[in-house]
Amino acid sequence: MLTVEQVLASQKANVETLLGLTSKAFEGVEKIVELNLSASKAALNETGENAKALLSVKDAQELMALQQSLLQPLAERTAAYSRHLYEIATDTSSEFTKAMESQATEVQQKFVGIVDSAAKNAPAGSETAVAVMKSAVAAANNAFESVQKAVKQATDVAEANFKTVTSASAAKPAAKKR
């Protein structure tokens, strides 16, 4: 059985974890706000420069050349913004994943301890029920680990795909410049 001290220690650890995750979430939000402010400021400055350039255009051919020259940097900045946003999201979510995995492992260990304690104090003749309970706990742990592995694999595949797409889009403009 759990003592009052164990329950209080567990609650304290949960509160500390929650506060840490809340802090990480706010750090992520701060980074996104900084990124958006920086992007907005750059876009505002660029809009002014582009407007000046448009006003100085003398003919249609010059206008077409100007439009072409404005599109390339826009695509590059959009890709850079997406990469930066992805990095912020990945860093923040990895902190949450680590905390959740740690908490899940701790809960599993405590539950196994409770089951073991109950098994030691179980009345004679309840060995079958205890064995079934231990088997159920082992199956649940295996299922949880399988889900964790599947999520990790899916995350790795998604990250690899994102990196492939962004590197391919970064390579296209470089090839066009030649």
N, C-alpha and C. Protein backbone atom coordinates (compact mmCIF):
# COMPACT_ATOMS: atom_id res chain seq x y z
N MET A 1 0.83 -1.20 0.00
CA MET A 1 0.00 0.00 0.00
C MET A 1 0.87 1.26 0.00
N LEU A 2 0.34 2.28 -0.60
CA LEU A 2 1.06 3.55 -0.65
C LEU A 2 0.88 4.30 0.65
N THR A 3 1.96 4.91 1.10
CA THR A 3 1.88 5.73 2.29
C THR A 3 1.54 7.16 1.89
N VAL A 4 1.17 7.95 2.87
CA VAL A 4 0.85 9.35 2.63
C VAL A 4 2.06 10.08 2.05
N GLU A 5 3.25 9.75 2.57
CA GLU A 5 4.47 10.38 2.08
C GLU A 5 4.72 10.05 0.61
N GLN A 6 4.44 8.80 0.21
CA GLN A 6 4.64 8.41 -1.19
C GLN A 6 3.66 9.15 -2.10
N VAL A 7 2.42 9.28 -1.65
CA VAL A 7 1.41 10.00 -2.44
C VAL A 7 1.82 11.47 -2.58
N LEU A 8 2.24 12.09 -1.48
CA LEU A 8 2.66 13.49 -1.52
C LEU A 8 3.89 13.67 -2.43
N ALA A 9 4.85 12.75 -2.33
CA ALA A 9 6.04 12.84 -3.18
C ALA A 9 5.65 12.70 -4.65
N SER A 10 4.73 11.80 -4.92
CA SER A 10 4.27 11.62 -6.29
C SER A 10 3.57 12.87 -6.81
N GLN A 11 2.72 13.46 -5.99
CA GLN A 11 2.01 14.68 -6.38
C GLN A 11 2.99 15.83 -6.59
N LYS A 12 3.98 15.93 -5.73
CA LYS A 12 5.00 16.98 -5.88
C LYS A 12 5.75 16.80 -7.20
N ALA A 13 6.13 15.57 -7.50
CA ALA A 13 6.84 15.29 -8.75
C ALA A 13 5.96 15.62 -9.95
N ASN A 14 4.66 15.31 -9.87
CA ASN A 14 3.74 15.62 -10.96
C ASN A 14 3.61 17.13 -11.18
N VAL A 15 3.54 17.88 -10.08
CA VAL A 15 3.43 19.34 -10.18
C VAL A 15 4.72 19.91 -10.79
N GLU A 16 5.87 19.40 -10.36
CA GLU A 16 7.13 19.88 -10.90
C GLU A 16 7.23 19.58 -12.40
N THR A 17 6.79 18.39 -12.79
CA THR A 17 6.79 18.04 -14.21
C THR A 17 5.87 18.96 -14.99
N LEU A 18 4.68 19.20 -14.46
CA LEU A 18 3.73 20.08 -15.12
C LEU A 18 4.28 21.49 -15.26
N LEU A 19 4.90 22.00 -14.22
CA LEU A 19 5.50 23.35 -14.29
C LEU A 19 6.63 23.39 -15.32
N GLY A 20 7.44 22.35 -15.36
CA GLY A 20 8.52 22.28 -16.34
C GLY A 20 7.98 22.25 -17.76
N LEU A 21 6.94 21.46 -17.99
CA LEU A 21 6.34 21.38 -19.32
C LEU A 21 5.67 22.70 -19.71
N THR A 22 5.03 23.34 -18.75
CA THR A 22 4.41 24.63 -19.01
C THR A 22 5.47 25.66 -19.41
N SER A 23 6.59 25.62 -18.72
CA SER A 23 7.69 26.52 -19.04
C SER A 23 8.21 26.25 -20.45
N LYS A 24 8.36 24.97 -20.80
CA LYS A 24 8.82 24.62 -22.15
C LYS A 24 7.82 25.06 -23.20
N ALA A 25 6.53 24.91 -22.90
CA ALA A 25 5.50 25.34 -23.85
C ALA A 25 5.59 26.85 -24.08
N PHE A 26 5.77 27.62 -23.00
CA PHE A 26 5.89 29.07 -23.15
C PHE A 26 7.16 29.44 -23.91
N GLU A 27 8.25 28.70 -23.69
CA GLU A 27 9.47 28.96 -24.45
C GLU A 27 9.22 28.75 -25.94
N GLY A 28 8.49 27.70 -26.26
CA GLY A 28 8.14 27.44 -27.66
C GLY A 28 7.30 28.55 -28.25
N VAL A 29 6.31 29.01 -27.48
CA VAL A 29 5.45 30.10 -27.94
C VAL A 29 6.28 31.38 -28.13
N GLU A 30 7.18 31.65 -27.19
CA GLU A 30 8.04 32.83 -27.30
C GLU A 30 8.88 32.77 -28.57
N LYS A 31 9.43 31.59 -28.86
CA LYS A 31 10.25 31.44 -30.07
C LYS A 31 9.42 31.67 -31.32
N ILE A 32 8.19 31.15 -31.32
CA ILE A 32 7.32 31.35 -32.48
C ILE A 32 6.95 32.82 -32.64
N VAL A 33 6.66 33.49 -31.53
CA VAL A 33 6.34 34.93 -31.58
C VAL A 33 7.54 35.71 -32.11
N GLU A 34 8.74 35.39 -31.61
CA GLU A 34 9.95 36.07 -32.10
C GLU A 34 10.14 35.83 -33.60
N LEU A 35 9.94 34.59 -34.03
CA LEU A 35 10.08 34.26 -35.44
C LEU A 35 9.07 35.04 -36.27
N ASN A 36 7.82 35.09 -35.82
CA ASN A 36 6.78 35.81 -36.56
C ASN A 36 7.05 37.31 -36.59
N LEU A 37 7.50 37.87 -35.48
CA LEU A 37 7.83 39.30 -35.46
C LEU A 37 8.97 39.61 -36.42
N SER A 38 9.98 38.77 -36.39
CA SER A 38 11.12 38.96 -37.28
C SER A 38 10.69 38.84 -38.75
N ALA A 39 9.88 37.84 -39.04
CA ALA A 39 9.40 37.64 -40.42
C ALA A 39 8.51 38.81 -40.85
N SER A 40 7.67 39.28 -39.95
CA SER A 40 6.78 40.41 -40.28
C SER A 40 7.58 41.68 -40.53
N LYS A 41 8.57 41.91 -39.71
CA LYS A 41 9.41 43.10 -39.87
C LYS A 41 10.15 43.05 -41.20
N ALA A 42 10.70 41.88 -41.52
CA ALA A 42 11.41 41.72 -42.79
C ALA A 42 10.46 41.88 -43.96
N ALA A 43 9.25 41.33 -43.84
CA ALA A 43 8.27 41.46 -44.92
C ALA A 43 7.86 42.91 -45.12
N LEU A 44 7.70 43.65 -44.03
CA LEU A 44 7.34 45.05 -44.13
C LEU A 44 8.44 45.85 -44.83
N ASN A 45 9.67 45.63 -44.42
CA ASN A 45 10.80 46.32 -45.06
C ASN A 45 10.89 45.96 -46.54
N GLU A 46 10.70 44.68 -46.82
CA GLU A 46 10.78 44.23 -48.21
C GLU A 46 9.65 44.81 -49.06
N THR A 47 8.47 44.92 -48.48
CA THR A 47 7.34 45.49 -49.21
C THR A 47 7.64 46.92 -49.62
N GLY A 48 8.24 47.68 -48.74
CA GLY A 48 8.63 49.05 -49.07
C GLY A 48 9.65 49.09 -50.19
N GLU A 49 10.65 48.23 -50.11
CA GLU A 49 11.67 48.18 -51.16
C GLU A 49 11.06 47.74 -52.49
N ASN A 50 10.16 46.76 -52.43
CA ASN A 50 9.52 46.28 -53.67
C ASN A 50 8.63 47.36 -54.29
N ALA A 51 7.94 48.10 -53.44
CA ALA A 51 7.09 49.18 -53.95
C ALA A 51 7.94 50.24 -54.66
N LYS A 52 9.07 50.58 -54.07
CA LYS A 52 9.98 51.54 -54.70
C LYS A 52 10.47 51.01 -56.04
N ALA A 53 10.82 49.71 -56.06
CA ALA A 53 11.32 49.12 -57.31
C ALA A 53 10.23 49.11 -58.38
N LEU A 54 9.00 48.80 -57.98
CA LEU A 54 7.88 48.79 -58.94
C LEU A 54 7.63 50.18 -59.52
N LEU A 55 7.76 51.20 -58.69
CA LEU A 55 7.53 52.57 -59.15
C LEU A 55 8.61 53.04 -60.12
N SER A 56 9.76 52.39 -60.07
CA SER A 56 10.84 52.81 -60.97
C SER A 56 10.86 52.02 -62.29
N VAL A 57 9.94 51.08 -62.47
CA VAL A 57 9.88 50.28 -63.69
C VAL A 57 9.47 51.16 -64.86
N LYS A 58 10.15 50.96 -66.01
CA LYS A 58 9.89 51.81 -67.17
C LYS A 58 9.09 51.12 -68.27
N ASP A 59 9.19 49.77 -68.35
CA ASP A 59 8.45 49.07 -69.40
C ASP A 59 8.03 47.66 -68.93
N ALA A 60 7.28 46.97 -69.77
CA ALA A 60 6.74 45.65 -69.41
C ALA A 60 7.86 44.62 -69.23
N GLN A 61 8.88 44.70 -70.04
CA GLN A 61 9.98 43.75 -69.94
C GLN A 61 10.70 43.89 -68.60
N GLU A 62 10.90 45.11 -68.19
CA GLU A 62 11.54 45.38 -66.90
C GLU A 62 10.64 44.92 -65.75
N LEU A 63 9.31 45.08 -65.92
CA LEU A 63 8.36 44.62 -64.92
C LEU A 63 8.42 43.10 -64.76
N MET A 64 8.47 42.38 -65.87
CA MET A 64 8.56 40.91 -65.84
C MET A 64 9.84 40.46 -65.14
N ALA A 65 10.94 41.13 -65.46
CA ALA A 65 12.23 40.79 -64.83
C ALA A 65 12.18 41.05 -63.33
N LEU A 66 11.56 42.15 -62.95
CA LEU A 66 11.45 42.48 -61.53
C LEU A 66 10.59 41.44 -60.81
N GLN A 67 9.46 41.09 -61.39
CA GLN A 67 8.59 40.08 -60.77
C GLN A 67 9.35 38.76 -60.57
N GLN A 68 10.08 38.36 -61.58
CA GLN A 68 10.85 37.12 -61.49
C GLN A 68 11.88 37.20 -60.38
N SER A 69 12.55 38.34 -60.27
CA SER A 69 13.58 38.49 -59.25
C SER A 69 12.99 38.54 -57.84
N LEU A 70 11.73 38.93 -57.71
CA LEU A 70 11.08 39.00 -56.39
C LEU A 70 10.56 37.64 -55.93
N LEU A 71 10.21 36.78 -56.86
CA LEU A 71 9.64 35.49 -56.49
C LEU A 71 10.67 34.54 -55.87
N GLN A 72 11.87 34.53 -56.38
CA GLN A 72 12.90 33.61 -55.89
C GLN A 72 13.20 33.83 -54.40
N PRO A 73 13.50 35.04 -53.97
CA PRO A 73 13.78 35.24 -52.54
C PRO A 73 12.57 34.92 -51.66
N LEU A 74 11.37 35.16 -52.18
CA LEU A 74 10.17 34.85 -51.41
C LEU A 74 10.07 33.36 -51.13
N ALA A 75 10.34 32.54 -52.14
CA ALA A 75 10.30 31.08 -51.96
C ALA A 75 11.37 30.63 -50.96
N GLU A 76 12.53 31.22 -51.05
CA GLU A 76 13.62 30.86 -50.13
C GLU A 76 13.28 31.25 -48.69
N ARG A 77 12.73 32.44 -48.50
CA ARG A 77 12.35 32.88 -47.15
C ARG A 77 11.22 32.03 -46.59
N THR A 78 10.27 31.66 -47.44
CA THR A 78 9.17 30.82 -46.99
C THR A 78 9.69 29.46 -46.54
N ALA A 79 10.62 28.89 -47.29
CA ALA A 79 11.22 27.60 -46.92
C ALA A 79 12.01 27.74 -45.61
N ALA A 80 12.75 28.82 -45.46
CA ALA A 80 13.53 29.04 -44.24
C ALA A 80 12.60 29.21 -43.04
N TYR A 81 11.52 29.96 -43.23
CA TYR A 81 10.54 30.15 -42.16
C TYR A 81 9.94 28.81 -41.75
N SER A 82 9.57 28.00 -42.74
CA SER A 82 8.99 26.68 -42.45
C SER A 82 9.96 25.80 -41.70
N ARG A 83 11.23 25.81 -42.10
CA ARG A 83 12.25 25.01 -41.40
C ARG A 83 12.39 25.47 -39.96
N HIS A 84 12.45 26.77 -39.75
CA HIS A 84 12.61 27.30 -38.40
C HIS A 84 11.41 26.95 -37.53
N LEU A 85 10.23 27.10 -38.08
CA LEU A 85 9.00 26.76 -37.35
C LEU A 85 8.98 25.28 -37.01
N TYR A 86 9.39 24.45 -37.96
CA TYR A 86 9.45 23.01 -37.73
C TYR A 86 10.44 22.68 -36.61
N GLU A 87 11.60 23.33 -36.60
CA GLU A 87 12.60 23.09 -35.56
C GLU A 87 12.05 23.46 -34.18
N ILE A 88 11.36 24.57 -34.09
CA ILE A 88 10.78 24.98 -32.81
C ILE A 88 9.76 23.94 -32.35
N ALA A 89 8.89 23.53 -33.25
CA ALA A 89 7.86 22.55 -32.89
C ALA A 89 8.49 21.21 -32.50
N THR A 90 9.51 20.79 -33.22
CA THR A 90 10.17 19.52 -32.92
C THR A 90 10.86 19.57 -31.57
N ASP A 91 11.58 20.66 -31.29
CA ASP A 91 12.26 20.79 -30.01
C ASP A 91 11.27 20.78 -28.85
N THR A 92 10.19 21.52 -29.00
CA THR A 92 9.20 21.60 -27.94
C THR A 92 8.51 20.26 -27.74
N SER A 93 8.13 19.61 -28.82
CA SER A 93 7.43 18.33 -28.67
C SER A 93 8.35 17.24 -28.13
N SER A 94 9.65 17.32 -28.43
CA SER A 94 10.56 16.30 -27.89
C SER A 94 10.66 16.41 -26.37
N GLU A 95 10.58 17.62 -25.85
CA GLU A 95 10.58 17.80 -24.39
C GLU A 95 9.34 17.15 -23.78
N PHE A 96 8.20 17.35 -24.42
CA PHE A 96 6.96 16.75 -23.94
C PHE A 96 7.03 15.22 -24.02
N THR A 97 7.58 14.72 -25.10
CA THR A 97 7.68 13.27 -25.28
C THR A 97 8.57 12.66 -24.21
N LYS A 98 9.71 13.28 -23.94
CA LYS A 98 10.61 12.78 -22.90
C LYS A 98 9.91 12.75 -21.55
N ALA A 99 9.21 13.81 -21.22
CA ALA A 99 8.52 13.88 -19.94
C ALA A 99 7.42 12.82 -19.84
N MET A 100 6.68 12.65 -20.91
CA MET A 100 5.60 11.66 -20.90
C MET A 100 6.14 10.24 -20.79
N GLU A 101 7.22 9.96 -21.52
CA GLU A 101 7.82 8.63 -21.43
C GLU A 101 8.34 8.37 -20.02
N SER A 102 8.96 9.37 -19.43
CA SER A 102 9.47 9.23 -18.07
C SER A 102 8.34 8.98 -17.08
N GLN A 103 7.27 9.77 -17.21
CA GLN A 103 6.12 9.61 -16.33
C GLN A 103 5.48 8.23 -16.51
N ALA A 104 5.34 7.79 -17.76
CA ALA A 104 4.71 6.50 -18.04
C ALA A 104 5.54 5.37 -17.44
N THR A 105 6.84 5.45 -17.57
CA THR A 105 7.72 4.43 -17.00
C THR A 105 7.58 4.39 -15.49
N GLU A 106 7.55 5.56 -14.88
CA GLU A 106 7.42 5.64 -13.43
C GLU A 106 6.08 5.06 -12.96
N VAL A 107 5.01 5.39 -13.67
CA VAL A 107 3.68 4.87 -13.31
C VAL A 107 3.66 3.36 -13.46
N GLN A 108 4.25 2.86 -14.54
CA GLN A 108 4.30 1.41 -14.75
C GLN A 108 5.04 0.72 -13.61
N GLN A 109 6.18 1.28 -13.22
CA GLN A 109 6.96 0.69 -12.14
C GLN A 109 6.18 0.69 -10.83
N LYS A 110 5.50 1.77 -10.54
CA LYS A 110 4.70 1.84 -9.31
C LYS A 110 3.55 0.83 -9.35
N PHE A 111 2.91 0.70 -10.50
CA PHE A 111 1.80 -0.24 -10.61
C PHE A 111 2.28 -1.67 -10.43
N VAL A 112 3.43 -1.99 -11.04
CA VAL A 112 3.99 -3.33 -10.88
C VAL A 112 4.33 -3.57 -9.40
N GLY A 113 4.83 -2.56 -8.74
CA GLY A 113 5.12 -2.66 -7.30
C GLY A 113 3.86 -2.93 -6.49
N ILE A 114 2.78 -2.25 -6.85
CA ILE A 114 1.51 -2.46 -6.14
C ILE A 114 1.01 -3.88 -6.38
N VAL A 115 1.11 -4.34 -7.62
CA VAL A 115 0.67 -5.71 -7.94
C VAL A 115 1.52 -6.72 -7.17
N ASP A 116 2.84 -6.51 -7.14
CA ASP A 116 3.72 -7.42 -6.40
C ASP A 116 3.38 -7.41 -4.91
N SER A 117 3.13 -6.23 -4.37
CA SER A 117 2.77 -6.11 -2.96
C SER A 117 1.45 -6.82 -2.67
N ALA A 118 0.50 -6.63 -3.58
CA ALA A 118 -0.79 -7.30 -3.41
C ALA A 118 -0.63 -8.81 -3.51
N ALA A 119 0.26 -9.26 -4.39
CA ALA A 119 0.48 -10.70 -4.56
C ALA A 119 1.08 -11.31 -3.29
N LYS A 120 1.99 -10.58 -2.65
CA LYS A 120 2.61 -11.08 -1.42
C LYS A 120 1.58 -11.20 -0.29
N ASN A 121 0.62 -10.27 -0.28
CA ASN A 121 -0.39 -10.26 0.79
C ASN A 121 -1.68 -10.97 0.40
N ALA A 122 -1.70 -11.59 -0.76
CA ALA A 122 -2.92 -12.26 -1.23
C ALA A 122 -3.16 -13.53 -0.41
N PRO A 123 -4.43 -13.84 -0.21
CA PRO A 123 -4.74 -15.07 0.53
C PRO A 123 -4.36 -16.31 -0.28
N ALA A 124 -4.20 -17.40 0.43
CA ALA A 124 -3.84 -18.67 -0.23
C ALA A 124 -4.93 -19.04 -1.22
N GLY A 125 -4.51 -19.59 -2.35
CA GLY A 125 -5.46 -20.01 -3.38
C GLY A 125 -5.72 -18.95 -4.43
N SER A 126 -5.15 -17.77 -4.30
CA SER A 126 -5.38 -16.70 -5.27
C SER A 126 -4.22 -16.56 -6.25
N GLU A 127 -3.35 -17.58 -6.29
CA GLU A 127 -2.18 -17.53 -7.17
C GLU A 127 -2.58 -17.35 -8.63
N THR A 128 -3.68 -18.00 -9.05
CA THR A 128 -4.12 -17.90 -10.44
C THR A 128 -4.54 -16.46 -10.76
N ALA A 129 -5.28 -15.83 -9.87
CA ALA A 129 -5.72 -14.45 -10.09
C ALA A 129 -4.52 -13.51 -10.14
N VAL A 130 -3.54 -13.75 -9.27
CA VAL A 130 -2.33 -12.93 -9.26
C VAL A 130 -1.56 -13.12 -10.57
N ALA A 131 -1.45 -14.35 -11.04
CA ALA A 131 -0.75 -14.64 -12.29
C ALA A 131 -1.45 -13.96 -13.47
N VAL A 132 -2.78 -13.99 -13.47
CA VAL A 132 -3.54 -13.33 -14.53
C VAL A 132 -3.29 -11.82 -14.49
N MET A 133 -3.29 -11.26 -13.29
CA MET A 133 -3.06 -9.81 -13.14
C MET A 133 -1.67 -9.44 -13.63
N LYS A 134 -0.65 -10.22 -13.25
CA LYS A 134 0.71 -9.95 -13.70
C LYS A 134 0.82 -10.09 -15.22
N SER A 135 0.15 -11.06 -15.76
CA SER A 135 0.16 -11.26 -17.21
C SER A 135 -0.49 -10.08 -17.92
N ALA A 136 -1.59 -9.57 -17.36
CA ALA A 136 -2.27 -8.42 -17.94
C ALA A 136 -1.37 -7.18 -17.89
N VAL A 137 -0.67 -7.00 -16.78
CA VAL A 137 0.24 -5.87 -16.64
C VAL A 137 1.38 -5.99 -17.66
N ALA A 138 1.93 -7.18 -17.82
CA ALA A 138 3.01 -7.38 -18.78
C ALA A 138 2.51 -7.12 -20.21
N ALA A 139 1.30 -7.58 -20.52
CA ALA A 139 0.74 -7.34 -21.86
C ALA A 139 0.50 -5.86 -22.10
N ALA A 140 0.01 -5.16 -21.09
CA ALA A 140 -0.22 -3.71 -21.22
C ALA A 140 1.10 -2.99 -21.43
N ASN A 141 2.13 -3.38 -20.69
CA ASN A 141 3.46 -2.76 -20.86
C ASN A 141 4.00 -3.01 -22.26
N ASN A 142 3.85 -4.23 -22.75
CA ASN A 142 4.32 -4.55 -24.10
C ASN A 142 3.56 -3.75 -25.15
N ALA A 143 2.26 -3.63 -24.97
CA ALA A 143 1.45 -2.85 -25.92
C ALA A 143 1.88 -1.39 -25.90
N PHE A 144 2.10 -0.84 -24.72
CA PHE A 144 2.53 0.55 -24.59
C PHE A 144 3.88 0.76 -25.28
N GLU A 145 4.82 -0.17 -25.06
CA GLU A 145 6.13 -0.05 -25.70
C GLU A 145 6.01 -0.15 -27.22
N SER A 146 5.12 -1.01 -27.71
CA SER A 146 4.90 -1.13 -29.16
C SER A 146 4.36 0.17 -29.74
N VAL A 147 3.42 0.77 -29.04
CA VAL A 147 2.85 2.04 -29.50
C VAL A 147 3.93 3.12 -29.50
N GLN A 148 4.74 3.17 -28.44
CA GLN A 148 5.83 4.15 -28.38
C GLN A 148 6.79 3.98 -29.55
N LYS A 149 7.13 2.73 -29.87
CA LYS A 149 8.05 2.47 -30.98
C LYS A 149 7.42 2.89 -32.31
N ALA A 150 6.12 2.60 -32.47
CA ALA A 150 5.44 2.96 -33.72
C ALA A 150 5.38 4.48 -33.88
N VAL A 151 5.09 5.18 -32.80
CA VAL A 151 5.04 6.65 -32.85
C VAL A 151 6.42 7.21 -33.16
N LYS A 152 7.44 6.63 -32.56
CA LYS A 152 8.82 7.08 -32.81
C LYS A 152 9.19 6.86 -34.28
N GLN A 153 8.83 5.69 -34.82
CA GLN A 153 9.13 5.41 -36.23
C GLN A 153 8.38 6.37 -37.14
N ALA A 154 7.11 6.61 -36.85
CA ALA A 154 6.32 7.52 -37.67
C ALA A 154 6.89 8.94 -37.61
N THR A 155 7.32 9.34 -36.44
CA THR A 155 7.93 10.67 -36.28
C THR A 155 9.24 10.75 -37.06
N ASP A 156 10.04 9.71 -37.00
CA ASP A 156 11.31 9.69 -37.75
C ASP A 156 11.06 9.77 -39.25
N VAL A 157 10.07 9.02 -39.74
CA VAL A 157 9.73 9.04 -41.16
C VAL A 157 9.25 10.43 -41.57
N ALA A 158 8.37 11.03 -40.76
CA ALA A 158 7.85 12.36 -41.07
C ALA A 158 8.98 13.39 -41.10
N GLU A 159 9.89 13.28 -40.13
CA GLU A 159 11.02 14.22 -40.09
C GLU A 159 11.93 14.03 -41.30
N ALA A 160 12.19 12.78 -41.67
CA ALA A 160 13.03 12.52 -42.85
C ALA A 160 12.36 13.06 -44.11
N ASN A 161 11.05 12.86 -44.22
CA ASN A 161 10.32 13.38 -45.39
C ASN A 161 10.38 14.90 -45.44
N PHE A 162 10.21 15.54 -44.29
CA PHE A 162 10.27 17.00 -44.24
C PHE A 162 11.64 17.50 -44.68
N LYS A 163 12.68 16.84 -44.17
CA LYS A 163 14.05 17.25 -44.55
C LYS A 163 14.30 17.04 -46.03
N THR A 164 13.77 15.95 -46.58
CA THR A 164 13.94 15.68 -48.01
C THR A 164 13.25 16.75 -48.84
N VAL A 165 12.02 17.07 -48.46
CA VAL A 165 11.26 18.09 -49.21
C VAL A 165 11.93 19.45 -49.13
N THR A 166 12.38 19.84 -47.95
CA THR A 166 13.00 21.16 -47.82
C THR A 166 14.35 21.21 -48.52
N SER A 167 15.11 20.11 -48.47
CA SER A 167 16.40 20.14 -49.18
C SER A 167 16.18 20.13 -50.69
N ALA A 168 15.13 19.44 -51.16
CA ALA A 168 14.82 19.43 -52.58
C ALA A 168 14.36 20.81 -53.04
N SER A 169 13.55 21.47 -52.23
CA SER A 169 13.08 22.81 -52.62
C SER A 169 14.21 23.83 -52.56
N ALA A 170 15.16 23.62 -51.67
CA ALA A 170 16.31 24.51 -51.60
C ALA A 170 17.25 24.29 -52.78
N ALA A 171 17.29 23.06 -53.28
CA ALA A 171 18.18 22.74 -54.40
C ALA A 171 17.63 23.27 -55.73
N LYS A 172 16.32 23.32 -55.89
CA LYS A 172 15.72 23.80 -57.14
C LYS A 172 16.09 25.24 -57.45
N PRO A 173 15.96 26.16 -56.48
CA PRO A 173 16.34 27.54 -56.80
C PRO A 173 17.83 27.66 -57.15
N ALA A 174 18.65 26.88 -56.50
CA ALA A 174 20.09 26.95 -56.80
C ALA A 174 20.35 26.49 -58.22
N ALA A 175 19.61 25.48 -58.67
CA ALA A 175 19.80 24.98 -60.02
C ALA A 175 19.31 26.01 -61.06
N LYS A 176 18.24 26.76 -60.74
CA LYS A 176 17.71 27.74 -61.67
C LYS A 176 18.62 28.94 -61.83
N LYS A 177 19.43 29.25 -60.83
CA LYS A 177 20.28 30.43 -60.87
C LYS A 177 21.40 30.28 -61.89
N ARG A 178 21.75 29.06 -62.20
CA ARG A 178 22.88 28.82 -63.12
C ARG A 178 22.58 29.19 -64.50
